[in-house]
Amino acid sequence: MADVWGPDGATFESGLEPFLDAAAQRGHHLVLRIYLDYPQKPSGLPPHLAEVVTCQPYTEHGGGCSPDYDHPALVSAMVDLMTALGAYADGDPRLGVLQVGLLGFWGEWHTWPHVDWFPSAETQTALLQAIIEAFPTTQVQLREPKLDSATLPLGYHDDSFAHSTLGDIGWFFWPKVIAAGDTEKWKT
């Protein structure tokens, strides 16, 4: 997020445009996921937000710092970022898919094993609604079903494809899709 959002708003020309152009030059489409916390990498929290949003250090997954996702300044910035990103890039043929990121380790929408660090349903809903409104054209994917995602116009991407996809283990991808009652989403 630090690369695309500054104290005065979007920094897409420097933080996103080079990636969109590079994908287009290769004849590809960019799959974009913006993160705040990526284990083993420097924080993606913009410096102006790091001054007010607390961050919980951890050692799992190689270590990092998990921000307070429910902090009002961060929620507002995430919603504003998605609104601005939609105005900038929705329908851009260089952008193939927007993966709903931002929350959790790697932007994967989990903070396991620290489940109490994950944001509230209100924060998750605010972010999902902002993305759905901002991206009526570009495909949007969520890592797995969350909240009422079965009713939303978005798809899913299995981040551990073929590793923890099928089976009877509840946290595997397909069992979560079944539990959400969303096994037909792939058709749309």
N, C-alpha and C. Protein backbone atom coordinates (compact mmCIF):
# COMPACT_ATOMS: atom_id res chain seq x y z
N MET A 1 0.82 -1.20 0.00
CA MET A 1 0.00 0.00 0.00
C MET A 1 0.86 1.26 0.00
N ALA A 2 2.02 1.16 0.67
CA ALA A 2 2.90 2.34 0.75
C ALA A 2 3.34 2.82 -0.63
N ASP A 3 3.40 1.92 -1.60
CA ASP A 3 3.83 2.31 -2.94
C ASP A 3 2.75 3.01 -3.75
N VAL A 4 1.49 2.86 -3.35
CA VAL A 4 0.40 3.43 -4.15
C VAL A 4 -0.47 4.42 -3.39
N TRP A 5 -0.13 4.69 -2.11
CA TRP A 5 -0.98 5.60 -1.34
C TRP A 5 -0.12 6.44 -0.41
N GLY A 6 -0.13 7.75 -0.62
CA GLY A 6 0.64 8.67 0.20
C GLY A 6 -0.27 9.57 1.01
N PRO A 7 0.30 10.51 1.73
CA PRO A 7 -0.52 11.39 2.58
C PRO A 7 -1.50 12.25 1.77
N ASP A 8 -1.22 12.46 0.50
CA ASP A 8 -2.12 13.25 -0.35
C ASP A 8 -2.97 12.38 -1.27
N GLY A 9 -2.94 11.06 -1.06
CA GLY A 9 -3.77 10.17 -1.87
C GLY A 9 -2.96 9.26 -2.76
N ALA A 10 -3.53 8.92 -3.90
CA ALA A 10 -2.97 7.92 -4.79
C ALA A 10 -1.64 8.34 -5.41
N THR A 11 -0.75 7.37 -5.52
CA THR A 11 0.54 7.55 -6.20
C THR A 11 0.67 6.48 -7.30
N PHE A 12 -0.38 6.34 -8.09
CA PHE A 12 -0.44 5.28 -9.09
C PHE A 12 0.58 5.46 -10.21
N GLU A 13 0.87 6.70 -10.57
CA GLU A 13 1.81 6.92 -11.68
C GLU A 13 3.17 6.30 -11.37
N SER A 14 3.64 6.40 -10.14
CA SER A 14 4.94 5.83 -9.80
C SER A 14 4.83 4.44 -9.20
N GLY A 15 3.75 4.14 -8.49
CA GLY A 15 3.66 2.88 -7.76
C GLY A 15 2.92 1.76 -8.47
N LEU A 16 2.14 2.07 -9.50
CA LEU A 16 1.37 1.04 -10.19
C LEU A 16 1.63 1.03 -11.70
N GLU A 17 1.71 2.19 -12.28
CA GLU A 17 1.83 2.30 -13.74
C GLU A 17 3.00 1.49 -14.30
N PRO A 18 4.18 1.48 -13.67
CA PRO A 18 5.28 0.67 -14.23
C PRO A 18 4.92 -0.82 -14.33
N PHE A 19 4.16 -1.34 -13.37
CA PHE A 19 3.78 -2.74 -13.39
C PHE A 19 2.73 -3.02 -14.47
N LEU A 20 1.78 -2.09 -14.62
CA LEU A 20 0.79 -2.24 -15.68
C LEU A 20 1.45 -2.21 -17.05
N ASP A 21 2.37 -1.27 -17.24
CA ASP A 21 3.07 -1.16 -18.52
C ASP A 21 3.94 -2.39 -18.80
N ALA A 22 4.65 -2.87 -17.78
CA ALA A 22 5.51 -4.04 -17.97
C ALA A 22 4.69 -5.27 -18.37
N ALA A 23 3.54 -5.45 -17.74
CA ALA A 23 2.67 -6.58 -18.09
C ALA A 23 2.21 -6.44 -19.54
N ALA A 24 1.78 -5.25 -19.92
CA ALA A 24 1.30 -5.01 -21.29
C ALA A 24 2.40 -5.25 -22.31
N GLN A 25 3.61 -4.83 -22.00
CA GLN A 25 4.73 -5.00 -22.93
C GLN A 25 5.05 -6.48 -23.15
N ARG A 26 4.75 -7.31 -22.16
CA ARG A 26 4.96 -8.76 -22.29
C ARG A 26 3.75 -9.43 -22.92
N GLY A 27 2.70 -8.67 -23.21
CA GLY A 27 1.48 -9.24 -23.73
C GLY A 27 0.65 -9.94 -22.67
N HIS A 28 0.83 -9.51 -21.42
CA HIS A 28 0.14 -10.13 -20.28
C HIS A 28 -0.83 -9.15 -19.65
N HIS A 29 -1.59 -9.66 -18.70
CA HIS A 29 -2.46 -8.84 -17.86
C HIS A 29 -1.95 -8.93 -16.43
N LEU A 30 -1.98 -7.83 -15.72
CA LEU A 30 -1.51 -7.81 -14.34
C LEU A 30 -2.58 -8.38 -13.41
N VAL A 31 -2.14 -9.23 -12.49
CA VAL A 31 -2.97 -9.67 -11.37
C VAL A 31 -2.45 -8.89 -10.18
N LEU A 32 -3.28 -8.03 -9.63
CA LEU A 32 -2.85 -7.09 -8.60
C LEU A 32 -3.42 -7.46 -7.24
N ARG A 33 -2.53 -7.54 -6.25
CA ARG A 33 -2.94 -7.67 -4.86
C ARG A 33 -2.09 -6.69 -4.04
N ILE A 34 -2.72 -5.76 -3.41
CA ILE A 34 -2.03 -4.78 -2.58
C ILE A 34 -2.02 -5.32 -1.15
N TYR A 35 -0.89 -5.22 -0.49
CA TYR A 35 -0.77 -5.72 0.88
C TYR A 35 -0.31 -4.63 1.83
N LEU A 36 -0.60 -4.86 3.10
CA LEU A 36 -0.09 -4.03 4.18
C LEU A 36 1.00 -4.76 4.95
N ASP A 37 0.86 -6.08 5.05
CA ASP A 37 1.79 -6.89 5.84
C ASP A 37 2.16 -8.13 5.03
N TYR A 38 3.43 -8.23 4.70
CA TYR A 38 3.93 -9.36 3.94
C TYR A 38 5.11 -9.92 4.73
N PRO A 39 4.91 -11.08 5.38
CA PRO A 39 6.01 -11.63 6.19
C PRO A 39 7.33 -11.65 5.44
N GLN A 40 8.36 -11.30 6.16
CA GLN A 40 9.74 -11.24 5.69
C GLN A 40 10.04 -10.04 4.79
N LYS A 41 9.06 -9.17 4.59
CA LYS A 41 9.30 -7.96 3.80
C LYS A 41 9.02 -6.74 4.67
N PRO A 42 9.56 -5.58 4.28
CA PRO A 42 9.23 -4.36 5.02
C PRO A 42 7.73 -4.10 4.99
N SER A 43 7.24 -3.42 5.98
CA SER A 43 5.81 -3.13 6.08
C SER A 43 5.32 -2.37 4.85
N GLY A 44 4.11 -2.70 4.43
CA GLY A 44 3.47 -1.99 3.33
C GLY A 44 2.61 -0.84 3.82
N LEU A 45 2.61 -0.60 5.13
CA LEU A 45 1.83 0.49 5.72
C LEU A 45 2.47 1.82 5.34
N PRO A 46 1.73 2.72 4.69
CA PRO A 46 2.31 4.01 4.33
C PRO A 46 2.85 4.73 5.56
N PRO A 47 4.00 5.39 5.44
CA PRO A 47 4.63 6.04 6.60
C PRO A 47 3.71 6.99 7.35
N HIS A 48 2.87 7.75 6.64
CA HIS A 48 2.00 8.69 7.34
C HIS A 48 0.96 7.97 8.18
N LEU A 49 0.60 6.73 7.81
CA LEU A 49 -0.32 5.95 8.62
C LEU A 49 0.41 5.22 9.74
N ALA A 50 1.66 4.83 9.48
CA ALA A 50 2.46 4.16 10.51
C ALA A 50 2.68 5.05 11.73
N GLU A 51 2.54 6.37 11.53
CA GLU A 51 2.68 7.30 12.65
C GLU A 51 1.50 7.22 13.62
N VAL A 52 0.34 6.73 13.15
CA VAL A 52 -0.86 6.72 14.00
C VAL A 52 -1.45 5.32 14.21
N VAL A 53 -1.15 4.38 13.32
CA VAL A 53 -1.71 3.03 13.40
C VAL A 53 -0.71 2.11 14.10
N THR A 54 -1.14 1.47 15.17
CA THR A 54 -0.24 0.57 15.87
C THR A 54 -0.01 -0.69 15.04
N CYS A 55 1.10 -1.35 15.35
CA CYS A 55 1.49 -2.53 14.60
C CYS A 55 2.00 -3.58 15.58
N GLN A 56 1.52 -4.81 15.45
CA GLN A 56 1.88 -5.90 16.34
C GLN A 56 2.96 -6.77 15.70
N PRO A 57 4.19 -6.76 16.26
CA PRO A 57 5.24 -7.59 15.68
C PRO A 57 4.97 -9.08 15.92
N TYR A 58 5.46 -9.93 15.01
CA TYR A 58 5.33 -11.37 15.16
C TYR A 58 6.54 -12.05 14.52
N THR A 59 6.76 -13.31 14.88
CA THR A 59 7.89 -14.06 14.35
C THR A 59 7.46 -15.18 13.41
N GLU A 60 6.19 -15.59 13.46
CA GLU A 60 5.71 -16.66 12.59
C GLU A 60 5.88 -16.26 11.13
N HIS A 61 6.00 -17.26 10.27
CA HIS A 61 6.09 -17.07 8.81
C HIS A 61 7.31 -16.23 8.41
N GLY A 62 8.29 -16.13 9.27
CA GLY A 62 9.48 -15.35 8.97
C GLY A 62 9.46 -13.95 9.57
N GLY A 63 8.35 -13.59 10.23
CA GLY A 63 8.28 -12.32 10.95
C GLY A 63 7.75 -11.16 10.14
N GLY A 64 7.22 -10.22 10.87
CA GLY A 64 6.66 -9.01 10.29
C GLY A 64 5.96 -8.20 11.35
N CYS A 65 5.07 -7.32 10.91
CA CYS A 65 4.32 -6.48 11.83
C CYS A 65 2.91 -6.31 11.28
N SER A 66 1.93 -6.74 12.07
CA SER A 66 0.53 -6.74 11.65
C SER A 66 -0.16 -5.47 12.16
N PRO A 67 -0.65 -4.62 11.26
CA PRO A 67 -1.26 -3.35 11.70
C PRO A 67 -2.63 -3.57 12.34
N ASP A 68 -3.08 -2.56 13.05
CA ASP A 68 -4.44 -2.55 13.61
C ASP A 68 -5.38 -2.23 12.46
N TYR A 69 -5.91 -3.27 11.82
CA TYR A 69 -6.75 -3.10 10.64
C TYR A 69 -8.04 -2.34 10.92
N ASP A 70 -8.46 -2.29 12.17
CA ASP A 70 -9.70 -1.59 12.53
C ASP A 70 -9.47 -0.12 12.89
N HIS A 71 -8.24 0.35 12.84
CA HIS A 71 -7.98 1.75 13.16
C HIS A 71 -8.73 2.62 12.14
N PRO A 72 -9.50 3.59 12.60
CA PRO A 72 -10.31 4.40 11.67
C PRO A 72 -9.51 5.05 10.55
N ALA A 73 -8.30 5.52 10.84
CA ALA A 73 -7.49 6.15 9.79
C ALA A 73 -7.10 5.14 8.72
N LEU A 74 -6.82 3.90 9.14
CA LEU A 74 -6.45 2.87 8.16
C LEU A 74 -7.66 2.41 7.37
N VAL A 75 -8.79 2.21 8.03
CA VAL A 75 -10.01 1.81 7.31
C VAL A 75 -10.36 2.86 6.27
N SER A 76 -10.32 4.13 6.65
CA SER A 76 -10.62 5.21 5.72
C SER A 76 -9.65 5.22 4.54
N ALA A 77 -8.37 5.02 4.82
CA ALA A 77 -7.36 5.02 3.76
C ALA A 77 -7.56 3.83 2.81
N MET A 78 -7.87 2.66 3.35
CA MET A 78 -8.09 1.49 2.49
C MET A 78 -9.30 1.69 1.58
N VAL A 79 -10.39 2.21 2.14
CA VAL A 79 -11.59 2.46 1.34
C VAL A 79 -11.31 3.52 0.28
N ASP A 80 -10.63 4.60 0.68
CA ASP A 80 -10.29 5.66 -0.28
C ASP A 80 -9.36 5.14 -1.38
N LEU A 81 -8.40 4.31 -0.99
CA LEU A 81 -7.48 3.72 -1.98
C LEU A 81 -8.25 2.90 -3.00
N MET A 82 -9.16 2.06 -2.55
CA MET A 82 -9.90 1.21 -3.49
C MET A 82 -10.81 2.05 -4.39
N THR A 83 -11.40 3.09 -3.84
CA THR A 83 -12.24 3.99 -4.65
C THR A 83 -11.39 4.67 -5.73
N ALA A 84 -10.23 5.18 -5.32
CA ALA A 84 -9.34 5.83 -6.28
C ALA A 84 -8.79 4.84 -7.30
N LEU A 85 -8.46 3.64 -6.85
CA LEU A 85 -7.94 2.63 -7.77
C LEU A 85 -8.98 2.24 -8.81
N GLY A 86 -10.22 2.11 -8.38
CA GLY A 86 -11.28 1.81 -9.34
C GLY A 86 -11.44 2.90 -10.37
N ALA A 87 -11.41 4.16 -9.92
CA ALA A 87 -11.54 5.29 -10.86
C ALA A 87 -10.36 5.31 -11.84
N TYR A 88 -9.21 4.85 -11.38
CA TYR A 88 -8.00 4.88 -12.21
C TYR A 88 -7.90 3.67 -13.15
N ALA A 89 -8.25 2.47 -12.65
CA ALA A 89 -7.89 1.26 -13.38
C ALA A 89 -9.04 0.33 -13.73
N ASP A 90 -10.26 0.57 -13.24
CA ASP A 90 -11.34 -0.35 -13.59
C ASP A 90 -11.54 -0.33 -15.10
N GLY A 91 -11.54 -1.52 -15.68
CA GLY A 91 -11.72 -1.64 -17.12
C GLY A 91 -10.43 -1.48 -17.93
N ASP A 92 -9.33 -1.16 -17.28
CA ASP A 92 -8.05 -1.05 -17.99
C ASP A 92 -7.65 -2.45 -18.46
N PRO A 93 -7.47 -2.64 -19.77
CA PRO A 93 -7.17 -3.99 -20.27
C PRO A 93 -5.84 -4.55 -19.75
N ARG A 94 -4.98 -3.70 -19.22
CA ARG A 94 -3.72 -4.20 -18.66
C ARG A 94 -3.93 -4.90 -17.32
N LEU A 95 -5.05 -4.58 -16.65
CA LEU A 95 -5.35 -5.17 -15.35
C LEU A 95 -6.32 -6.32 -15.56
N GLY A 96 -5.82 -7.54 -15.44
CA GLY A 96 -6.65 -8.71 -15.65
C GLY A 96 -7.57 -9.00 -14.48
N VAL A 97 -7.02 -8.94 -13.27
CA VAL A 97 -7.77 -9.28 -12.06
C VAL A 97 -7.26 -8.44 -10.90
N LEU A 98 -8.18 -7.98 -10.09
CA LEU A 98 -7.83 -7.37 -8.81
C LEU A 98 -8.13 -8.41 -7.73
N GLN A 99 -7.09 -8.83 -7.03
CA GLN A 99 -7.30 -9.71 -5.89
C GLN A 99 -7.53 -8.83 -4.67
N VAL A 100 -8.60 -9.14 -3.93
CA VAL A 100 -8.89 -8.40 -2.72
C VAL A 100 -7.79 -8.74 -1.72
N GLY A 101 -6.93 -7.82 -1.46
CA GLY A 101 -5.81 -8.03 -0.54
C GLY A 101 -5.96 -7.15 0.67
N LEU A 102 -4.92 -6.43 0.98
CA LEU A 102 -4.81 -5.49 2.09
C LEU A 102 -4.85 -6.15 3.47
N LEU A 103 -5.80 -7.02 3.73
CA LEU A 103 -5.98 -7.56 5.07
C LEU A 103 -5.19 -8.85 5.28
N GLY A 104 -4.54 -8.94 6.43
CA GLY A 104 -3.87 -10.16 6.84
C GLY A 104 -2.48 -10.34 6.25
N PHE A 105 -1.86 -11.44 6.67
CA PHE A 105 -0.53 -11.77 6.17
C PHE A 105 -0.61 -11.99 4.66
N TRP A 106 0.31 -11.43 3.94
CA TRP A 106 0.40 -11.51 2.48
C TRP A 106 -0.82 -10.92 1.78
N GLY A 107 -1.68 -10.20 2.49
CA GLY A 107 -2.94 -9.74 1.92
C GLY A 107 -3.87 -10.90 1.64
N GLU A 108 -3.72 -12.00 2.41
CA GLU A 108 -4.49 -13.22 2.19
C GLU A 108 -5.74 -13.34 3.06
N TRP A 109 -6.06 -12.33 3.79
CA TRP A 109 -7.26 -12.33 4.63
C TRP A 109 -7.20 -13.36 5.75
N HIS A 110 -6.05 -13.48 6.37
CA HIS A 110 -5.90 -14.27 7.60
C HIS A 110 -4.67 -13.76 8.35
N THR A 111 -4.69 -13.95 9.65
CA THR A 111 -3.54 -13.63 10.49
C THR A 111 -3.18 -14.84 11.36
N TRP A 112 -3.40 -16.02 10.81
CA TRP A 112 -3.13 -17.24 11.56
C TRP A 112 -1.66 -17.32 11.96
N PRO A 113 -1.36 -17.64 13.19
CA PRO A 113 -2.20 -18.16 14.26
C PRO A 113 -2.81 -17.08 15.17
N HIS A 114 -2.65 -15.84 14.82
CA HIS A 114 -3.15 -14.73 15.65
C HIS A 114 -4.52 -14.28 15.15
N VAL A 115 -5.51 -15.14 15.27
CA VAL A 115 -6.82 -14.86 14.70
C VAL A 115 -7.47 -13.61 15.30
N ASP A 116 -7.09 -13.25 16.52
CA ASP A 116 -7.67 -12.06 17.15
C ASP A 116 -7.13 -10.77 16.55
N TRP A 117 -6.11 -10.84 15.71
CA TRP A 117 -5.58 -9.64 15.05
C TRP A 117 -6.36 -9.30 13.79
N PHE A 118 -7.16 -10.24 13.30
CA PHE A 118 -7.87 -10.00 12.05
C PHE A 118 -8.96 -8.96 12.27
N PRO A 119 -9.26 -8.13 11.27
CA PRO A 119 -10.21 -7.04 11.47
C PRO A 119 -11.65 -7.53 11.67
N SER A 120 -12.43 -6.63 12.19
CA SER A 120 -13.84 -6.88 12.45
C SER A 120 -14.62 -7.10 11.15
N ALA A 121 -15.80 -7.67 11.30
CA ALA A 121 -16.69 -7.84 10.15
C ALA A 121 -17.03 -6.49 9.53
N GLU A 122 -17.13 -5.45 10.34
CA GLU A 122 -17.44 -4.11 9.83
C GLU A 122 -16.33 -3.61 8.90
N THR A 123 -15.08 -3.81 9.30
CA THR A 123 -13.96 -3.39 8.45
C THR A 123 -13.92 -4.21 7.17
N GLN A 124 -14.09 -5.51 7.28
CA GLN A 124 -14.10 -6.37 6.10
C GLN A 124 -15.20 -5.96 5.13
N THR A 125 -16.39 -5.71 5.66
CA THR A 125 -17.53 -5.32 4.83
C THR A 125 -17.29 -3.98 4.15
N ALA A 126 -16.74 -3.03 4.90
CA ALA A 126 -16.45 -1.71 4.31
C ALA A 126 -15.49 -1.84 3.14
N LEU A 127 -14.47 -2.66 3.30
CA LEU A 127 -13.50 -2.84 2.23
C LEU A 127 -14.12 -3.56 1.04
N LEU A 128 -14.85 -4.64 1.28
CA LEU A 128 -15.48 -5.36 0.19
C LEU A 128 -16.46 -4.47 -0.57
N GLN A 129 -17.27 -3.70 0.14
CA GLN A 129 -18.24 -2.83 -0.53
C GLN A 129 -17.54 -1.77 -1.37
N ALA A 130 -16.47 -1.20 -0.85
CA ALA A 130 -15.72 -0.20 -1.61
C ALA A 130 -15.17 -0.80 -2.90
N ILE A 131 -14.66 -2.01 -2.82
CA ILE A 131 -14.09 -2.66 -4.00
C ILE A 131 -15.17 -3.00 -5.01
N ILE A 132 -16.27 -3.56 -4.55
CA ILE A 132 -17.36 -3.92 -5.46
C ILE A 132 -17.89 -2.69 -6.18
N GLU A 133 -18.05 -1.59 -5.46
CA GLU A 133 -18.54 -0.35 -6.08
C GLU A 133 -17.52 0.24 -7.05
N ALA A 134 -16.22 0.12 -6.72
CA ALA A 134 -15.17 0.73 -7.54
C ALA A 134 -14.82 -0.08 -8.77
N PHE A 135 -15.14 -1.37 -8.77
CA PHE A 135 -14.74 -2.25 -9.87
C PHE A 135 -15.93 -3.00 -10.47
N PRO A 136 -16.80 -2.28 -11.20
CA PRO A 136 -17.91 -2.97 -11.85
C PRO A 136 -17.49 -3.73 -13.11
N THR A 137 -16.31 -3.45 -13.66
CA THR A 137 -15.88 -4.06 -14.92
C THR A 137 -14.76 -5.09 -14.71
N THR A 138 -13.70 -4.72 -14.06
CA THR A 138 -12.56 -5.61 -13.85
C THR A 138 -12.94 -6.74 -12.91
N GLN A 139 -12.48 -7.94 -13.21
CA GLN A 139 -12.75 -9.08 -12.34
C GLN A 139 -12.08 -8.89 -10.99
N VAL A 140 -12.82 -9.26 -9.94
CA VAL A 140 -12.34 -9.15 -8.56
C VAL A 140 -12.38 -10.54 -7.95
N GLN A 141 -11.29 -10.90 -7.24
CA GLN A 141 -11.21 -12.21 -6.60
C GLN A 141 -10.85 -12.05 -5.12
N LEU A 142 -11.49 -12.89 -4.32
CA LEU A 142 -11.20 -13.01 -2.89
C LEU A 142 -10.52 -14.36 -2.69
N ARG A 143 -9.63 -14.46 -1.75
CA ARG A 143 -8.87 -15.70 -1.56
C ARG A 143 -9.77 -16.88 -1.26
N GLU A 144 -10.83 -16.65 -0.52
CA GLU A 144 -11.76 -17.70 -0.13
C GLU A 144 -13.03 -17.02 0.36
N PRO A 145 -14.12 -17.75 0.50
CA PRO A 145 -15.36 -17.13 0.97
C PRO A 145 -15.19 -16.48 2.35
N LYS A 146 -15.71 -15.29 2.47
CA LYS A 146 -15.71 -14.54 3.73
C LYS A 146 -17.04 -13.83 3.85
N LEU A 147 -17.52 -13.70 5.06
CA LEU A 147 -18.76 -12.98 5.35
C LEU A 147 -19.85 -13.39 4.37
N ASP A 148 -20.41 -12.42 3.65
CA ASP A 148 -21.48 -12.70 2.69
C ASP A 148 -20.97 -12.70 1.25
N SER A 149 -19.72 -13.09 1.05
CA SER A 149 -19.13 -13.02 -0.29
C SER A 149 -19.89 -13.86 -1.32
N ALA A 150 -20.63 -14.86 -0.87
CA ALA A 150 -21.42 -15.66 -1.82
C ALA A 150 -22.45 -14.81 -2.55
N THR A 151 -22.85 -13.69 -1.95
CA THR A 151 -23.86 -12.83 -2.57
C THR A 151 -23.24 -11.68 -3.37
N LEU A 152 -21.92 -11.60 -3.37
CA LEU A 152 -21.24 -10.47 -4.02
C LEU A 152 -20.71 -10.85 -5.40
N PRO A 153 -20.61 -9.88 -6.30
CA PRO A 153 -20.09 -10.15 -7.65
C PRO A 153 -18.57 -10.22 -7.68
N LEU A 154 -18.05 -11.29 -7.11
CA LEU A 154 -16.61 -11.52 -7.12
C LEU A 154 -16.37 -13.02 -7.18
N GLY A 155 -15.16 -13.38 -7.58
CA GLY A 155 -14.77 -14.77 -7.63
C GLY A 155 -13.77 -15.08 -6.53
N TYR A 156 -13.21 -16.28 -6.59
CA TYR A 156 -12.23 -16.71 -5.60
C TYR A 156 -10.95 -17.16 -6.31
N HIS A 157 -9.84 -17.04 -5.61
CA HIS A 157 -8.59 -17.62 -6.10
C HIS A 157 -8.01 -18.47 -4.98
N ASP A 158 -7.60 -19.65 -5.31
CA ASP A 158 -7.04 -20.60 -4.35
C ASP A 158 -5.55 -20.33 -4.26
N ASP A 159 -5.12 -19.70 -3.18
CA ASP A 159 -3.71 -19.34 -3.03
C ASP A 159 -2.79 -20.53 -2.85
N SER A 160 -3.32 -21.67 -2.50
CA SER A 160 -2.50 -22.87 -2.32
C SER A 160 -2.96 -23.96 -3.27
N PHE A 161 -3.23 -23.59 -4.49
CA PHE A 161 -3.79 -24.51 -5.48
C PHE A 161 -3.02 -25.83 -5.51
N ALA A 162 -3.77 -26.91 -5.41
CA ALA A 162 -3.28 -28.28 -5.45
C ALA A 162 -2.50 -28.68 -4.20
N HIS A 163 -2.29 -27.77 -3.28
CA HIS A 163 -1.61 -28.11 -2.03
C HIS A 163 -2.63 -28.33 -0.92
N SER A 164 -3.53 -27.38 -0.75
CA SER A 164 -4.57 -27.48 0.27
C SER A 164 -5.90 -27.07 -0.35
N THR A 165 -6.23 -27.70 -1.46
CA THR A 165 -7.43 -27.36 -2.22
C THR A 165 -8.58 -28.28 -1.89
N LEU A 166 -8.40 -29.59 -2.11
CA LEU A 166 -9.47 -30.56 -1.95
C LEU A 166 -9.24 -31.39 -0.69
N GLY A 167 -10.31 -31.99 -0.20
CA GLY A 167 -10.18 -32.88 0.95
C GLY A 167 -11.21 -32.58 2.01
N ASP A 168 -11.06 -33.24 3.14
CA ASP A 168 -12.01 -33.11 4.23
C ASP A 168 -11.54 -32.16 5.33
N ILE A 169 -10.44 -31.48 5.14
CA ILE A 169 -9.91 -30.58 6.15
C ILE A 169 -10.60 -29.23 6.00
N GLY A 170 -11.20 -28.77 7.08
CA GLY A 170 -12.07 -27.59 7.03
C GLY A 170 -11.43 -26.32 6.51
N TRP A 171 -10.11 -26.13 6.71
CA TRP A 171 -9.50 -24.89 6.26
C TRP A 171 -8.99 -24.98 4.82
N PHE A 172 -9.12 -26.13 4.16
CA PHE A 172 -8.75 -26.23 2.75
C PHE A 172 -9.74 -25.40 1.92
N PHE A 173 -9.31 -25.04 0.74
CA PHE A 173 -10.08 -24.12 -0.10
C PHE A 173 -11.48 -24.64 -0.44
N TRP A 174 -11.58 -25.81 -1.06
CA TRP A 174 -12.88 -26.25 -1.54
C TRP A 174 -13.87 -26.54 -0.40
N PRO A 175 -13.45 -27.12 0.71
CA PRO A 175 -14.39 -27.26 1.83
C PRO A 175 -14.95 -25.92 2.31
N LYS A 176 -14.16 -24.86 2.24
CA LYS A 176 -14.68 -23.53 2.62
C LYS A 176 -15.70 -23.04 1.61
N VAL A 177 -15.47 -23.30 0.32
CA VAL A 177 -16.43 -22.91 -0.71
C VAL A 177 -17.74 -23.69 -0.51
N ILE A 178 -17.63 -24.98 -0.23
CA ILE A 178 -18.82 -25.79 0.02
C ILE A 178 -19.57 -25.27 1.24
N ALA A 179 -18.85 -24.99 2.32
CA ALA A 179 -19.48 -24.51 3.55
C ALA A 179 -20.20 -23.18 3.32
N ALA A 180 -19.69 -22.37 2.41
CA ALA A 180 -20.32 -21.08 2.10
C ALA A 180 -21.50 -21.25 1.14
N GLY A 181 -21.70 -22.45 0.62
CA GLY A 181 -22.77 -22.68 -0.33
C GLY A 181 -22.55 -21.98 -1.65
N ASP A 182 -21.29 -21.87 -2.05
CA ASP A 182 -20.95 -21.07 -3.22
C ASP A 182 -20.23 -21.88 -4.30
N THR A 183 -20.60 -23.14 -4.45
CA THR A 183 -19.91 -24.02 -5.39
C THR A 183 -20.19 -23.70 -6.86
N GLU A 184 -21.16 -22.86 -7.15
CA GLU A 184 -21.49 -22.52 -8.54
C GLU A 184 -20.90 -21.17 -8.97
N LYS A 185 -20.23 -20.47 -8.07
CA LYS A 185 -19.69 -19.14 -8.37
C LYS A 185 -18.78 -19.15 -9.58
N TRP A 186 -18.03 -20.22 -9.79
CA TRP A 186 -17.08 -20.27 -10.90
C TRP A 186 -17.76 -20.07 -12.25
N LYS A 187 -19.05 -20.29 -12.34
CA LYS A 187 -19.76 -20.15 -13.61
C LYS A 187 -19.93 -18.68 -14.00
N THR A 188 -19.87 -17.78 -13.02
CA THR A 188 -20.05 -16.36 -13.31
C THR A 188 -18.79 -15.57 -13.01
